[in-house]
Amino acid sequence: MFGAETTLMNQDLIKKEDRKYLIGKKVLKHTINYLNHLSIYKISYPIIKQLLNEFNENVYMTMLDGNEFIPIYSTYKDTNSGTT
């Protein structure tokens, strides 16, 4: 468990104070970003649905945070359609 704890702490996902684990800054940052971008979901959902219906391929919506892509929404093609 020590290795995982160190990794999470090094990535600012958790912090330890007085023998308690607390949410790290990075988790809070991602949560705030997610909440701030909910309107993006409402606007993009019809486009995502159209892409899925038109191409029958998986569709992913992500948000760029520095050099990282943060997944916001995904939808998957119908694998039971019987087409090749």
PDB file of N, CA and C in Angstrom:
ATOM      1  N   MET A   1       0.824  -1.196   0.000  1.00  0.00           N
ATOM      2  CA  MET A   1       0.000   0.000   0.000  1.00  0.00           C
ATOM      3  C   MET A   1       0.860   1.248   0.000  1.00  0.00           C
ATOM      4  N   PHE A   2       2.062   1.160   0.524  1.00  0.00           N
ATOM      5  CA  PHE A   2       2.920   2.336   0.615  1.00  0.00           C
ATOM      6  C   PHE A   2       3.230   2.913  -0.756  1.00  0.00           C
ATOM      7  N   GLY A   3       3.468   2.051  -1.757  1.00  0.00           N
ATOM      8  CA  GLY A   3       3.774   2.527  -3.105  1.00  0.00           C
ATOM      9  C   GLY A   3       2.620   3.291  -3.709  1.00  0.00           C
ATOM     10  N   ALA A   4       1.406   2.769  -3.543  1.00  0.00           N
ATOM     11  CA  ALA A   4       0.220   3.447  -4.073  1.00  0.00           C
ATOM     12  C   ALA A   4       0.003   4.778  -3.356  1.00  0.00           C
ATOM     13  N   GLU A   5       0.182   4.790  -2.062  1.00  0.00           N
ATOM     14  CA  GLU A   5       0.030   6.020  -1.278  1.00  0.00           C
ATOM     15  C   GLU A   5       1.003   7.087  -1.770  1.00  0.00           C
ATOM     16  N   THR A   6       2.246   6.705  -1.967  1.00  0.00           N
ATOM     17  CA  THR A   6       3.258   7.645  -2.440  1.00  0.00           C
ATOM     18  C   THR A   6       2.908   8.178  -3.822  1.00  0.00           C
ATOM     19  N   THR A   7       2.466   7.294  -4.703  1.00  0.00           N
ATOM     20  CA  THR A   7       2.093   7.711  -6.057  1.00  0.00           C
ATOM     21  C   THR A   7       0.950   8.712  -6.018  1.00  0.00           C
ATOM     22  N   LEU A   8      -0.086   8.419  -5.254  1.00  0.00           N
ATOM     23  CA  LEU A   8      -1.230   9.329  -5.159  1.00  0.00           C
ATOM     24  C   LEU A   8      -0.835  10.668  -4.552  1.00  0.00           C
ATOM     25  N   MET A   9       0.026  10.637  -3.571  1.00  0.00           N
ATOM     26  CA  MET A   9       0.477  11.880  -2.941  1.00  0.00           C
ATOM     27  C   MET A   9       1.356  12.684  -3.901  1.00  0.00           C
ATOM     28  N   ASN A  10       2.221  12.009  -4.638  1.00  0.00           N
ATOM     29  CA  ASN A  10       3.092  12.697  -5.595  1.00  0.00           C
ATOM     30  C   ASN A  10       2.304  13.355  -6.722  1.00  0.00           C
ATOM     31  N   GLN A  11       1.147  12.811  -7.034  1.00  0.00           N
ATOM     32  CA  GLN A  11       0.311  13.365  -8.099  1.00  0.00           C
ATOM     33  C   GLN A  11      -0.742  14.335  -7.559  1.00  0.00           C
ATOM     34  N   ASP A  12      -0.637  14.707  -6.297  1.00  0.00           N
ATOM     35  CA  ASP A  12      -1.587  15.623  -5.646  1.00  0.00           C
ATOM     36  C   ASP A  12      -3.029  15.133  -5.687  1.00  0.00           C
ATOM     37  N   LEU A  13      -3.211  13.804  -5.701  1.00  0.00           N
ATOM     38  CA  LEU A  13      -4.559  13.252  -5.664  1.00  0.00           C
ATOM     39  C   LEU A  13      -5.047  13.078  -4.237  1.00  0.00           C
ATOM     40  N   ILE A  14      -4.122  12.836  -3.323  1.00  0.00           N
ATOM     41  CA  ILE A  14      -4.447  12.782  -1.899  1.00  0.00           C
ATOM     42  C   ILE A  14      -3.358  13.502  -1.123  1.00  0.00           C
ATOM     43  N   LYS A  15      -3.686  13.860   0.104  1.00  0.00           N
ATOM     44  CA  LYS A  15      -2.666  14.370   1.021  1.00  0.00           C
ATOM     45  C   LYS A  15      -2.967  13.801   2.400  1.00  0.00           C
ATOM     46  N   LYS A  16      -1.952  13.771   3.229  1.00  0.00           N
ATOM     47  CA  LYS A  16      -2.095  13.178   4.556  1.00  0.00           C
ATOM     48  C   LYS A  16      -1.806  14.244   5.600  1.00  0.00           C
ATOM     49  N   GLU A  17      -2.768  14.427   6.512  1.00  0.00           N
ATOM     50  CA  GLU A  17      -2.613  15.377   7.618  1.00  0.00           C
ATOM     51  C   GLU A  17      -3.095  14.705   8.890  1.00  0.00           C
ATOM     52  N   ASP A  18      -2.264  14.709   9.889  1.00  0.00           N
ATOM     53  CA  ASP A  18      -2.623  14.133  11.193  1.00  0.00           C
ATOM     54  C   ASP A  18      -3.200  12.721  11.063  1.00  0.00           C
ATOM     55  N   ARG A  19      -2.515  11.888  10.305  1.00  0.00           N
ATOM     56  CA  ARG A  19      -2.903  10.486  10.112  1.00  0.00           C
ATOM     57  C   ARG A  19      -4.233  10.318   9.395  1.00  0.00           C
ATOM     58  N   LYS A  20      -4.713  11.368   8.719  1.00  0.00           N
ATOM     59  CA  LYS A  20      -5.947  11.300   7.930  1.00  0.00           C
ATOM     60  C   LYS A  20      -5.607  11.573   6.471  1.00  0.00           C
ATOM     61  N   TYR A  21      -6.318  10.909   5.590  1.00  0.00           N
ATOM     62  CA  TYR A  21      -6.168  11.153   4.160  1.00  0.00           C
ATOM     63  C   TYR A  21      -7.238  12.141   3.709  1.00  0.00           C
ATOM     64  N   LEU A  22      -6.817  13.120   2.944  1.00  0.00           N
ATOM     65  CA  LEU A  22      -7.719  14.139   2.426  1.00  0.00           C
ATOM     66  C   LEU A  22      -7.615  14.188   0.908  1.00  0.00           C
ATOM     67  N   ILE A  23      -8.643  14.703   0.273  1.00  0.00           N
ATOM     68  CA  ILE A  23      -8.622  14.872  -1.178  1.00  0.00           C
ATOM     69  C   ILE A  23      -7.544  15.883  -1.536  1.00  0.00           C
ATOM     70  N   GLY A  24      -6.767  15.551  -2.550  1.00  0.00           N
ATOM     71  CA  GLY A  24      -5.689  16.435  -2.993  1.00  0.00           C
ATOM     72  C   GLY A  24      -6.180  17.536  -3.922  1.00  0.00           C
ATOM     73  N   LYS A  25      -5.294  18.495  -4.173  1.00  0.00           N
ATOM     74  CA  LYS A  25      -5.623  19.645  -5.011  1.00  0.00           C
ATOM     75  C   LYS A  25      -6.033  19.244  -6.422  1.00  0.00           C
ATOM     76  N   LYS A  26      -5.384  18.229  -6.964  1.00  0.00           N
ATOM     77  CA  LYS A  26      -5.671  17.842  -8.342  1.00  0.00           C
ATOM     78  C   LYS A  26      -7.092  17.289  -8.486  1.00  0.00           C
ATOM     79  N   VAL A  27      -7.558  16.536  -7.507  1.00  0.00           N
ATOM     80  CA  VAL A  27      -8.928  16.018  -7.548  1.00  0.00           C
ATOM     81  C   VAL A  27      -9.914  17.186  -7.515  1.00  0.00           C
ATOM     82  N   LEU A  28      -9.661  18.147  -6.638  1.00  0.00           N
ATOM     83  CA  LEU A  28     -10.543  19.306  -6.553  1.00  0.00           C
ATOM     84  C   LEU A  28     -10.526  20.112  -7.850  1.00  0.00           C
ATOM     85  N   LYS A  29      -9.351  20.258  -8.447  1.00  0.00           N
ATOM     86  CA  LYS A  29      -9.226  20.991  -9.706  1.00  0.00           C
ATOM     87  C   LYS A  29     -10.039  20.317 -10.801  1.00  0.00           C
ATOM     88  N   HIS A  30      -9.923  18.994 -10.899  1.00  0.00           N
ATOM     89  CA  HIS A  30     -10.672  18.266 -11.920  1.00  0.00           C
ATOM     90  C   HIS A  30     -12.177  18.321 -11.657  1.00  0.00           C
ATOM     91  N   THR A  31     -12.574  18.287 -10.416  1.00  0.00           N
ATOM     92  CA  THR A  31     -13.994  18.388 -10.073  1.00  0.00           C
ATOM     93  C   THR A  31     -14.546  19.743 -10.486  1.00  0.00           C
ATOM     94  N   ILE A  32     -13.815  20.793 -10.191  1.00  0.00           N
ATOM     95  CA  ILE A  32     -14.249  22.149 -10.571  1.00  0.00           C
ATOM     96  C   ILE A  32     -14.324  22.265 -12.086  1.00  0.00           C
ATOM     97  N   ASN A  33     -13.306  21.754 -12.787  1.00  0.00           N
ATOM     98  CA  ASN A  33     -13.333  21.782 -14.251  1.00  0.00           C
ATOM     99  C   ASN A  33     -14.536  21.034 -14.797  1.00  0.00           C
ATOM    100  N   TYR A  34     -14.828  19.897 -14.220  1.00  0.00           N
ATOM    101  CA  TYR A  34     -15.982  19.112 -14.658  1.00  0.00           C
ATOM    102  C   TYR A  34     -17.280  19.898 -14.478  1.00  0.00           C
ATOM    103  N   LEU A  35     -17.455  20.471 -13.321  1.00  0.00           N
ATOM    104  CA  LEU A  35     -18.679  21.221 -13.060  1.00  0.00           C
ATOM    105  C   LEU A  35     -18.800  22.448 -13.949  1.00  0.00           C
ATOM    106  N   ASN A  36     -17.680  23.094 -14.239  1.00  0.00           N
ATOM    107  CA  ASN A  36     -17.697  24.269 -15.106  1.00  0.00           C
ATOM    108  C   ASN A  36     -18.005  23.928 -16.554  1.00  0.00           C
ATOM    109  N   HIS A  37     -17.811  22.691 -16.940  1.00  0.00           N
ATOM    110  CA  HIS A  37     -18.006  22.296 -18.326  1.00  0.00           C
ATOM    111  C   HIS A  37     -19.280  21.493 -18.555  1.00  0.00           C
ATOM    112  N   LEU A  38     -20.175  21.476 -17.597  1.00  0.00           N
ATOM    113  CA  LEU A  38     -21.430  20.751 -17.793  1.00  0.00           C
ATOM    114  C   LEU A  38     -22.230  21.323 -18.952  1.00  0.00           C
ATOM    115  N   SER A  39     -22.148  22.628 -19.156  1.00  0.00           N
ATOM    116  CA  SER A  39     -22.879  23.223 -20.277  1.00  0.00           C
ATOM    117  C   SER A  39     -22.322  22.713 -21.608  1.00  0.00           C
ATOM    118  N   ILE A  40     -21.044  22.364 -21.647  1.00  0.00           N
ATOM    119  CA  ILE A  40     -20.455  21.783 -22.860  1.00  0.00           C
ATOM    120  C   ILE A  40     -21.174  20.479 -23.198  1.00  0.00           C
ATOM    121  N   TYR A  41     -21.467  19.702 -22.173  1.00  0.00           N
ATOM    122  CA  TYR A  41     -22.178  18.446 -22.394  1.00  0.00           C
ATOM    123  C   TYR A  41     -23.539  18.702 -23.026  1.00  0.00           C
ATOM    124  N   LYS A  42     -24.269  19.659 -22.500  1.00  0.00           N
ATOM    125  CA  LYS A  42     -25.611  19.949 -23.018  1.00  0.00           C
ATOM    126  C   LYS A  42     -25.561  20.389 -24.474  1.00  0.00           C
ATOM    127  N   ILE A  43     -24.545  21.165 -24.820  1.00  0.00           N
ATOM    128  CA  ILE A  43     -24.418  21.659 -26.187  1.00  0.00           C
ATOM    129  C   ILE A  43     -23.937  20.555 -27.120  1.00  0.00           C
ATOM    130  N   SER A  44     -23.004  19.757 -26.666  1.00  0.00           N
ATOM    131  CA  SER A  44     -22.368  18.771 -27.537  1.00  0.00           C
ATOM    132  C   SER A  44     -23.135  17.460 -27.668  1.00  0.00           C
ATOM    133  N   TYR A  45     -24.029  17.171 -26.741  1.00  0.00           N
ATOM    134  CA  TYR A  45     -24.721  15.882 -26.768  1.00  0.00           C
ATOM    135  C   TYR A  45     -25.416  15.611 -28.100  1.00  0.00           C
ATOM    136  N   PRO A  46     -26.169  16.564 -28.667  1.00  0.00           N
ATOM    137  CA  PRO A  46     -26.810  16.284 -29.960  1.00  0.00           C
ATOM    138  C   PRO A  46     -25.796  15.964 -31.071  1.00  0.00           C
ATOM    139  N   ILE A  47     -24.642  16.609 -31.038  1.00  0.00           N
ATOM    140  CA  ILE A  47     -23.608  16.350 -32.038  1.00  0.00           C
ATOM    141  C   ILE A  47     -23.016  14.964 -31.831  1.00  0.00           C
ATOM    142  N   ILE A  48     -22.758  14.611 -30.579  1.00  0.00           N
ATOM    143  CA  ILE A  48     -22.225  13.284 -30.263  1.00  0.00           C
ATOM    144  C   ILE A  48     -23.202  12.203 -30.726  1.00  0.00           C
ATOM    145  N   LYS A  49     -24.464  12.403 -30.453  1.00  0.00           N
ATOM    146  CA  LYS A  49     -25.483  11.435 -30.849  1.00  0.00           C
ATOM    147  C   LYS A  49     -25.553  11.315 -32.377  1.00  0.00           C
ATOM    148  N   GLN A  50     -25.458  12.441 -33.060  1.00  0.00           N
ATOM    149  CA  GLN A  50     -25.480  12.435 -34.519  1.00  0.00           C
ATOM    150  C   GLN A  50     -24.270  11.679 -35.084  1.00  0.00           C
ATOM    151  N   LEU A  51     -23.082  11.916 -34.523  1.00  0.00           N
ATOM    152  CA  LEU A  51     -21.885  11.207 -34.967  1.00  0.00           C
ATOM    153  C   LEU A  51     -22.027   9.704 -34.753  1.00  0.00           C
ATOM    154  N   LEU A  52     -22.548   9.317 -33.603  1.00  0.00           N
ATOM    155  CA  LEU A  52     -22.746   7.899 -33.301  1.00  0.00           C
ATOM    156  C   LEU A  52     -23.710   7.274 -34.301  1.00  0.00           C
ATOM    157  N   ASN A  53     -24.828   7.940 -34.564  1.00  0.00           N
ATOM    158  CA  ASN A  53     -25.832   7.400 -35.488  1.00  0.00           C
ATOM    159  C   ASN A  53     -25.322   7.355 -36.927  1.00  0.00           C
ATOM    160  N   GLU A  54     -24.570   8.374 -37.319  1.00  0.00           N
ATOM    161  CA  GLU A  54     -24.104   8.458 -38.696  1.00  0.00           C
ATOM    162  C   GLU A  54     -22.984   7.466 -39.001  1.00  0.00           C
ATOM    163  N   PHE A  55     -22.030   7.317 -38.071  1.00  0.00           N
ATOM    164  CA  PHE A  55     -20.857   6.486 -38.339  1.00  0.00           C
ATOM    165  C   PHE A  55     -20.848   5.156 -37.596  1.00  0.00           C
ATOM    166  N   ASN A  56     -21.752   4.980 -36.634  1.00  0.00           N
ATOM    167  CA  ASN A  56     -21.795   3.776 -35.801  1.00  0.00           C
ATOM    168  C   ASN A  56     -20.412   3.428 -35.256  1.00  0.00           C
ATOM    169  N   GLU A  57     -19.754   4.438 -34.719  1.00  0.00           N
ATOM    170  CA  GLU A  57     -18.436   4.280 -34.098  1.00  0.00           C
ATOM    171  C   GLU A  57     -18.485   4.890 -32.702  1.00  0.00           C
ATOM    172  N   ASN A  58     -17.586   4.451 -31.829  1.00  0.00           N
ATOM    173  CA  ASN A  58     -17.490   5.020 -30.491  1.00  0.00           C
ATOM    174  C   ASN A  58     -17.173   6.504 -30.587  1.00  0.00           C
ATOM    175  N   VAL A  59     -17.770   7.299 -29.709  1.00  0.00           N
ATOM    176  CA  VAL A  59     -17.535   8.742 -29.685  1.00  0.00           C
ATOM    177  C   VAL A  59     -17.119   9.135 -28.270  1.00  0.00           C
ATOM    178  N   TYR A  60     -16.042   9.911 -28.181  1.00  0.00           N
ATOM    179  CA  TYR A  60     -15.515  10.344 -26.899  1.00  0.00           C
ATOM    180  C   TYR A  60     -15.420  11.865 -26.877  1.00  0.00           C
ATOM    181  N   MET A  61     -15.797  12.449 -25.760  1.00  0.00           N
ATOM    182  CA  MET A  61     -15.584  13.875 -25.564  1.00  0.00           C
ATOM    183  C   MET A  61     -14.611  14.012 -24.400  1.00  0.00           C
ATOM    184  N   THR A  62     -13.533  14.759 -24.636  1.00  0.00           N
ATOM    185  CA  THR A  62     -12.528  14.956 -23.605  1.00  0.00           C
ATOM    186  C   THR A  62     -12.252  16.439 -23.446  1.00  0.00           C
ATOM    187  N   MET A  63     -11.620  16.775 -22.347  1.00  0.00           N
ATOM    188  CA  MET A  63     -11.222  18.142 -22.067  1.00  0.00           C
ATOM    189  C   MET A  63      -9.704  18.132 -21.913  1.00  0.00           C
ATOM    190  N   LEU A  64      -9.047  19.098 -22.534  1.00  0.00           N
ATOM    191  CA  LEU A  64      -7.598  19.193 -22.429  1.00  0.00           C
ATOM    192  C   LEU A  64      -7.232  19.998 -21.193  1.00  0.00           C
ATOM    193  N   ASP A  65      -6.395  19.400 -20.355  1.00  0.00           N
ATOM    194  CA  ASP A  65      -5.895  20.058 -19.148  1.00  0.00           C
ATOM    195  C   ASP A  65      -4.376  19.972 -19.187  1.00  0.00           C
ATOM    196  N   GLY A  66      -3.741  21.034 -19.673  1.00  0.00           N
ATOM    197  CA  GLY A  66      -2.297  20.990 -19.869  1.00  0.00           C
ATOM    198  C   GLY A  66      -1.990  20.013 -20.983  1.00  0.00           C
ATOM    199  N   ASN A  67      -1.271  18.949 -20.662  1.00  0.00           N
ATOM    200  CA  ASN A  67      -0.956  17.908 -21.641  1.00  0.00           C
ATOM    201  C   ASN A  67      -1.814  16.660 -21.460  1.00  0.00           C
ATOM    202  N   GLU A  68      -2.811  16.729 -20.602  1.00  0.00           N
ATOM    203  CA  GLU A  68      -3.650  15.565 -20.313  1.00  0.00           C
ATOM    204  C   GLU A  68      -5.041  15.747 -20.900  1.00  0.00           C
ATOM    205  N   PHE A  69      -5.607  14.644 -21.395  1.00  0.00           N
ATOM    206  CA  PHE A  69      -6.996  14.631 -21.828  1.00  0.00           C
ATOM    207  C   PHE A  69      -7.825  14.024 -20.709  1.00  0.00           C
ATOM    208  N   ILE A  70      -8.839  14.738 -20.280  1.00  0.00           N
ATOM    209  CA  ILE A  70      -9.717  14.273 -19.206  1.00  0.00           C
ATOM    210  C   ILE A  70     -11.034  13.849 -19.843  1.00  0.00           C
ATOM    211  N   PRO A  71     -11.408  12.578 -19.719  1.00  0.00           N
ATOM    212  CA  PRO A  71     -12.668  12.138 -20.321  1.00  0.00           C
ATOM    213  C   PRO A  71     -13.868  12.782 -19.629  1.00  0.00           C
ATOM    214  N   ILE A  72     -14.788  13.275 -20.433  1.00  0.00           N
ATOM    215  CA  ILE A  72     -16.000  13.896 -19.905  1.00  0.00           C
ATOM    216  C   ILE A  72     -17.207  13.015 -20.214  1.00  0.00           C
ATOM    217  N   TYR A  73     -17.241  12.478 -21.430  1.00  0.00           N
ATOM    218  CA  TYR A  73     -18.394  11.684 -21.847  1.00  0.00           C
ATOM    219  C   TYR A  73     -17.957  10.719 -22.936  1.00  0.00           C
ATOM    220  N   SER A  74     -18.554   9.552 -22.971  1.00  0.00           N
ATOM    221  CA  SER A  74     -18.304   8.612 -24.057  1.00  0.00           C
ATOM    222  C   SER A  74     -19.577   7.840 -24.342  1.00  0.00           C
ATOM    223  N   THR A  75     -19.712   7.442 -25.584  1.00  0.00           N
ATOM    224  CA  THR A  75     -20.826   6.600 -25.996  1.00  0.00           C
ATOM    225  C   THR A  75     -20.276   5.587 -26.987  1.00  0.00           C
ATOM    226  N   TYR A  76     -20.888   4.424 -27.046  1.00  0.00           N
ATOM    227  CA  TYR A  76     -20.309   3.321 -27.798  1.00  0.00           C
ATOM    228  C   TYR A  76     -21.250   2.839 -28.878  1.00  0.00           C
ATOM    229  N   LYS A  77     -20.654   2.354 -29.975  1.00  0.00           N
ATOM    230  CA  LYS A  77     -21.434   1.846 -31.093  1.00  0.00           C
ATOM    231  C   LYS A  77     -22.203   0.602 -30.677  1.00  0.00           C
ATOM    232  N   ASP A  78     -23.238   0.341 -31.430  1.00  0.00           N
ATOM    233  CA  ASP A  78     -24.075  -0.824 -31.183  1.00  0.00           C
ATOM    234  C   ASP A  78     -23.379  -2.059 -31.737  1.00  0.00           C
ATOM    235  N   THR A  79     -22.927  -2.922 -30.854  1.00  0.00           N
ATOM    236  CA  THR A  79     -22.225  -4.136 -31.299  1.00  0.00           C
ATOM    237  C   THR A  79     -23.189  -5.275 -31.597  1.00  0.00           C
ATOM    238  N   ASN A  80     -24.480  -5.061 -31.362  1.00  0.00           N
ATOM    239  CA  ASN A  80     -25.473  -6.098 -31.608  1.00  0.00           C
ATOM    240  C   ASN A  80     -26.259  -5.859 -32.892  1.00  0.00           C
ATOM    241  N   SER A  81     -25.761  -4.968 -33.743  1.00  0.00           N
ATOM    242  CA  SER A  81     -26.527  -4.609 -34.926  1.00  0.00           C
ATOM    243  C   SER A  81     -26.483  -5.691 -36.003  1.00  0.00           C
ATOM    244  N   GLY A  82     -25.513  -6.620 -35.935  1.00  0.00           N
ATOM    245  CA  GLY A  82     -25.429  -7.692 -36.910  1.00  0.00           C
ATOM    246  C   GLY A  82     -24.752  -7.284 -38.197  1.00  0.00           C
ATOM    247  N   THR A  83     -24.228  -6.054 -38.289  1.00  0.00           N
ATOM    248  CA  THR A  83     -23.536  -5.620 -39.502  1.00  0.00           C
ATOM    249  C   THR A  83     -22.046  -5.834 -39.335  1.00  0.00           C
ATOM    250  N   THR A  84     -21.336  -5.887 -40.441  1.00  0.00           N
ATOM    251  CA  THR A  84     -19.883  -6.047 -40.376  1.00  0.00           C
ATOM    252  C   THR A  84     -19.180  -4.806 -40.783  1.00  0.00           C
TER     253      THR A  84
END
